[in-house]
Structures are given as C-alpha cells and as structure tokens.
C-alpha cells in the first residue's frame, strides 16, 4: 500500500522523482516506513547549470545557435495552440 502511494507520487512528479532514491521497508510489527535520500550526482549536475536554461540536443550537426532557434519556434507554436483552445 505505501509502496503504491510512493509510486503514484513519483509518477505524478517525474522531473523531481529522478533527484531522489526511495526505499519502503516493513518492520517486525508490519509497519511500513519510507526512507529517502537526495541523489548527490543529480544535485551536483543541477548546480552546474548555475541558473542557466539548458537545452538538450540530440542533433550533433546543428550549430550552437540552431537549438535555441528551434526552441523559440516550438514556444511560439505552443502559444498558438493554447490560444486556439
């Protein structure tokens, strides 16, 4: 039951879920406890961004400017779809 609740919580917060490790343990009386810790490697990676907006890119042939331009176009298209709704 507790593990299912933790799973639903993590499923609803997928971006944050990767930053933590969770473990559900049951003691001798059958009581469940949730143990968690923040993953250090994720914290260190997040600190490297230093407040910058990072755009991941899989297309290696693009210049440094093209991912930014593609993201700007995507943002405009999403705004148009929101208006159409």
N, C-alpha and C. Protein backbone atom coordinates (compact mmCIF):
# COMPACT_ATOMS: atom_id res chain seq x y z
N UNK A 1 0.82 -1.19 0.00
CA UNK A 1 0.00 0.00 0.00
C UNK A 1 0.87 1.27 0.00
N UNK A 2 1.85 1.34 0.91
CA UNK A 2 2.72 2.51 0.98
C UNK A 2 3.56 2.60 -0.29
N UNK A 3 4.09 1.47 -0.75
CA UNK A 3 4.91 1.47 -1.96
C UNK A 3 4.10 1.95 -3.16
N UNK A 4 2.83 1.57 -3.23
CA UNK A 4 1.97 2.03 -4.33
C UNK A 4 1.76 3.53 -4.27
N UNK A 5 1.58 4.06 -3.06
CA UNK A 5 1.40 5.50 -2.91
C UNK A 5 2.66 6.26 -3.31
N UNK A 6 3.79 5.75 -2.90
CA UNK A 6 5.05 6.38 -3.29
C UNK A 6 5.20 6.32 -4.80
N UNK A 7 4.85 5.19 -5.41
CA UNK A 7 4.92 5.05 -6.86
C UNK A 7 4.04 6.06 -7.58
N UNK A 8 2.82 6.26 -7.07
CA UNK A 8 1.92 7.25 -7.68
C UNK A 8 2.47 8.65 -7.52
N UNK A 9 3.03 8.94 -6.37
CA UNK A 9 3.62 10.26 -6.12
C UNK A 9 4.78 10.51 -7.09
N UNK A 10 5.64 9.52 -7.24
CA UNK A 10 6.77 9.67 -8.16
C UNK A 10 6.29 9.78 -9.60
N UNK A 11 5.26 9.00 -9.97
CA UNK A 11 4.74 9.04 -11.32
C UNK A 11 4.14 10.38 -11.67
N UNK A 12 3.57 11.06 -10.68
CA UNK A 12 2.98 12.36 -10.92
C UNK A 12 4.00 13.50 -10.90
N UNK A 13 5.20 13.19 -10.47
CA UNK A 13 6.26 14.20 -10.37
C UNK A 13 7.56 13.66 -10.95
N UNK A 14 7.50 13.29 -12.20
CA UNK A 14 8.63 12.58 -12.82
C UNK A 14 9.91 13.40 -12.85
N UNK A 15 9.82 14.70 -13.02
CA UNK A 15 11.05 15.51 -13.07
C UNK A 15 11.77 15.51 -11.73
N UNK A 16 11.03 15.61 -10.66
CA UNK A 16 11.64 15.63 -9.33
C UNK A 16 12.00 14.23 -8.86
N UNK A 17 11.28 13.22 -9.34
CA UNK A 17 11.50 11.85 -8.87
C UNK A 17 12.92 11.37 -9.12
N UNK A 18 13.53 11.79 -10.20
CA UNK A 18 14.88 11.36 -10.51
C UNK A 18 15.93 11.92 -9.57
N UNK A 19 15.57 12.93 -8.79
CA UNK A 19 16.53 13.54 -7.88
C UNK A 19 16.65 12.78 -6.55
N UNK A 20 15.75 11.81 -6.31
CA UNK A 20 15.71 11.12 -5.04
C UNK A 20 15.71 9.61 -5.21
N UNK A 21 16.18 8.92 -4.18
CA UNK A 21 16.08 7.46 -4.10
C UNK A 21 15.14 7.16 -2.95
N UNK A 22 14.19 6.25 -3.19
CA UNK A 22 13.21 5.88 -2.18
C UNK A 22 13.29 4.40 -1.88
N UNK A 23 13.05 4.06 -0.62
CA UNK A 23 13.02 2.66 -0.22
C UNK A 23 11.91 2.52 0.82
N UNK A 24 11.02 1.55 0.62
CA UNK A 24 9.95 1.28 1.58
C UNK A 24 10.31 0.00 2.31
N UNK A 25 10.36 0.08 3.65
CA UNK A 25 10.71 -1.08 4.47
C UNK A 25 9.60 -1.34 5.47
N UNK A 26 9.39 -2.61 5.77
CA UNK A 26 8.39 -3.01 6.75
C UNK A 26 9.09 -3.60 7.96
N UNK A 27 8.72 -3.14 9.17
CA UNK A 27 9.36 -3.66 10.37
C UNK A 27 8.67 -4.93 10.85
N UNK A 28 9.10 -5.48 11.99
CA UNK A 28 8.57 -6.75 12.51
C UNK A 28 7.09 -6.66 12.87
N UNK A 29 6.59 -5.47 13.20
CA UNK A 29 5.17 -5.30 13.53
C UNK A 29 4.31 -5.05 12.29
N UNK A 30 4.92 -5.02 11.14
CA UNK A 30 4.17 -4.80 9.90
C UNK A 30 4.00 -3.34 9.54
N UNK A 31 4.66 -2.44 10.26
CA UNK A 31 4.57 -1.02 9.95
C UNK A 31 5.56 -0.67 8.85
N UNK A 32 5.09 0.11 7.90
CA UNK A 32 5.93 0.49 6.77
C UNK A 32 6.56 1.84 7.03
N UNK A 33 7.78 1.97 6.59
CA UNK A 33 8.48 3.24 6.68
C UNK A 33 9.11 3.57 5.35
N UNK A 34 9.12 4.84 5.02
CA UNK A 34 9.71 5.30 3.77
C UNK A 34 11.04 5.97 4.09
N UNK A 35 12.07 5.49 3.43
CA UNK A 35 13.40 6.07 3.58
C UNK A 35 13.77 6.69 2.24
N UNK A 36 14.29 7.89 2.29
CA UNK A 36 14.66 8.56 1.04
C UNK A 36 15.95 9.33 1.25
N UNK A 37 16.61 9.57 0.12
CA UNK A 37 17.79 10.40 0.14
C UNK A 37 17.90 11.12 -1.19
N UNK A 38 18.47 12.29 -1.14
CA UNK A 38 18.69 13.06 -2.35
C UNK A 38 19.93 12.52 -3.05
N UNK A 39 19.83 12.27 -4.34
CA UNK A 39 20.96 11.73 -5.09
C UNK A 39 21.99 12.83 -5.32
N UNK A 40 23.17 12.64 -4.78
CA UNK A 40 24.23 13.64 -4.85
C UNK A 40 24.62 13.96 -6.29
N UNK A 41 24.71 12.95 -7.14
CA UNK A 41 25.13 13.20 -8.52
C UNK A 41 24.16 14.10 -9.26
N UNK A 42 22.88 14.01 -8.92
CA UNK A 42 21.89 14.89 -9.55
C UNK A 42 22.01 16.31 -9.01
N UNK A 43 22.26 16.42 -7.72
CA UNK A 43 22.42 17.74 -7.12
C UNK A 43 23.63 18.44 -7.73
N UNK A 44 24.72 17.70 -7.89
CA UNK A 44 25.92 18.29 -8.47
C UNK A 44 25.67 18.72 -9.92
N UNK A 45 24.94 17.91 -10.68
CA UNK A 45 24.63 18.24 -12.07
C UNK A 45 23.76 19.48 -12.14
N UNK A 46 22.76 19.57 -11.25
CA UNK A 46 21.87 20.72 -11.25
C UNK A 46 22.64 22.00 -10.92
N UNK A 47 23.63 21.90 -10.04
CA UNK A 47 24.42 23.07 -9.67
C UNK A 47 25.25 23.58 -10.85
N UNK A 48 25.62 22.70 -11.75
CA UNK A 48 26.42 23.11 -12.90
C UNK A 48 25.67 24.07 -13.80
N UNK A 49 24.33 23.96 -13.80
CA UNK A 49 23.53 24.85 -14.64
C UNK A 49 23.61 26.30 -14.18
N UNK A 50 23.83 26.52 -12.90
CA UNK A 50 24.01 27.86 -12.37
C UNK A 50 22.92 28.83 -12.75
N UNK A 51 21.67 28.38 -12.81
CA UNK A 51 20.57 29.28 -13.16
C UNK A 51 20.39 29.44 -14.66
N UNK A 52 21.17 28.75 -15.44
CA UNK A 52 21.04 28.83 -16.90
C UNK A 52 19.93 27.90 -17.37
N UNK A 53 19.32 28.26 -18.49
CA UNK A 53 18.32 27.41 -19.10
C UNK A 53 19.06 26.51 -20.08
N UNK A 54 19.05 25.20 -19.82
CA UNK A 54 19.79 24.26 -20.64
C UNK A 54 18.87 23.58 -21.64
N UNK A 55 19.28 23.55 -22.89
CA UNK A 55 18.52 22.88 -23.93
C UNK A 55 19.28 21.63 -24.34
N UNK A 56 18.71 20.45 -24.06
CA UNK A 56 19.38 19.23 -24.52
C UNK A 56 19.29 19.13 -26.03
N UNK A 57 20.28 18.53 -26.63
CA UNK A 57 20.20 18.37 -28.08
C UNK A 57 20.78 17.03 -28.49
N UNK A 58 20.05 16.39 -29.40
CA UNK A 58 20.48 15.10 -29.92
C UNK A 58 21.08 15.24 -31.31
N UNK A 59 20.76 16.33 -31.97
CA UNK A 59 21.25 16.55 -33.33
C UNK A 59 22.63 17.17 -33.23
N UNK A 60 23.64 16.40 -33.56
CA UNK A 60 25.02 16.87 -33.40
C UNK A 60 25.49 17.75 -34.55
N UNK A 61 24.76 17.74 -35.67
CA UNK A 61 25.19 18.54 -36.82
C UNK A 61 24.79 20.00 -36.69
N UNK A 62 23.94 20.34 -35.75
CA UNK A 62 23.47 21.72 -35.61
C UNK A 62 24.57 22.61 -35.05
N UNK A 63 24.51 23.87 -35.46
CA UNK A 63 25.41 24.86 -34.87
C UNK A 63 24.90 25.18 -33.47
N UNK A 64 25.67 25.98 -32.74
CA UNK A 64 25.27 26.34 -31.37
C UNK A 64 23.99 27.17 -31.36
N UNK A 65 23.69 27.90 -32.41
CA UNK A 65 22.51 28.77 -32.46
C UNK A 65 21.23 28.01 -32.82
N UNK A 66 21.33 26.96 -33.60
CA UNK A 66 20.12 26.27 -34.11
C UNK A 66 19.22 25.67 -33.02
N UNK A 67 19.74 25.04 -31.97
CA UNK A 67 18.83 24.55 -30.94
C UNK A 67 18.02 25.67 -30.27
N UNK A 68 18.65 26.82 -30.05
CA UNK A 68 17.93 27.95 -29.45
C UNK A 68 16.82 28.43 -30.36
N UNK A 69 17.11 28.52 -31.65
CA UNK A 69 16.11 28.97 -32.62
C UNK A 69 14.96 27.96 -32.71
N UNK A 70 15.28 26.68 -32.72
CA UNK A 70 14.24 25.65 -32.78
C UNK A 70 13.36 25.70 -31.53
N UNK A 71 13.97 25.93 -30.36
CA UNK A 71 13.19 26.03 -29.13
C UNK A 71 12.27 27.25 -29.16
N UNK A 72 12.77 28.36 -29.68
CA UNK A 72 11.94 29.57 -29.78
C UNK A 72 10.74 29.32 -30.69
N UNK A 73 10.94 28.63 -31.80
CA UNK A 73 9.84 28.31 -32.71
C UNK A 73 8.84 27.38 -32.03
N UNK A 74 9.33 26.41 -31.29
CA UNK A 74 8.44 25.50 -30.57
C UNK A 74 7.60 26.26 -29.55
N UNK A 75 8.20 27.20 -28.86
CA UNK A 75 7.47 28.01 -27.88
C UNK A 75 6.37 28.80 -28.56
N UNK A 76 6.64 29.35 -29.73
CA UNK A 76 5.63 30.10 -30.48
C UNK A 76 4.48 29.20 -30.90
N UNK A 77 4.78 28.01 -31.40
CA UNK A 77 3.75 27.06 -31.82
C UNK A 77 2.88 26.65 -30.64
N UNK A 78 3.49 26.38 -29.49
CA UNK A 78 2.71 26.01 -28.31
C UNK A 78 1.80 27.15 -27.88
N UNK A 79 2.26 28.39 -27.98
CA UNK A 79 1.43 29.54 -27.63
C UNK A 79 0.22 29.63 -28.56
N UNK A 80 0.42 29.37 -29.85
CA UNK A 80 -0.70 29.40 -30.81
C UNK A 80 -1.71 28.31 -30.47
N UNK A 81 -1.25 27.12 -30.13
CA UNK A 81 -2.18 26.05 -29.76
C UNK A 81 -2.97 26.42 -28.51
N UNK A 82 -2.32 27.07 -27.54
CA UNK A 82 -3.04 27.48 -26.33
C UNK A 82 -4.14 28.49 -26.67
N UNK A 83 -3.84 29.41 -27.59
CA UNK A 83 -4.83 30.40 -27.99
C UNK A 83 -6.01 29.73 -28.70
N UNK A 84 -5.71 28.73 -29.53
CA UNK A 84 -6.76 28.03 -30.29
C UNK A 84 -7.70 27.25 -29.39
N UNK A 85 -7.20 26.80 -28.23
CA UNK A 85 -8.06 26.05 -27.32
C UNK A 85 -9.11 26.97 -26.79
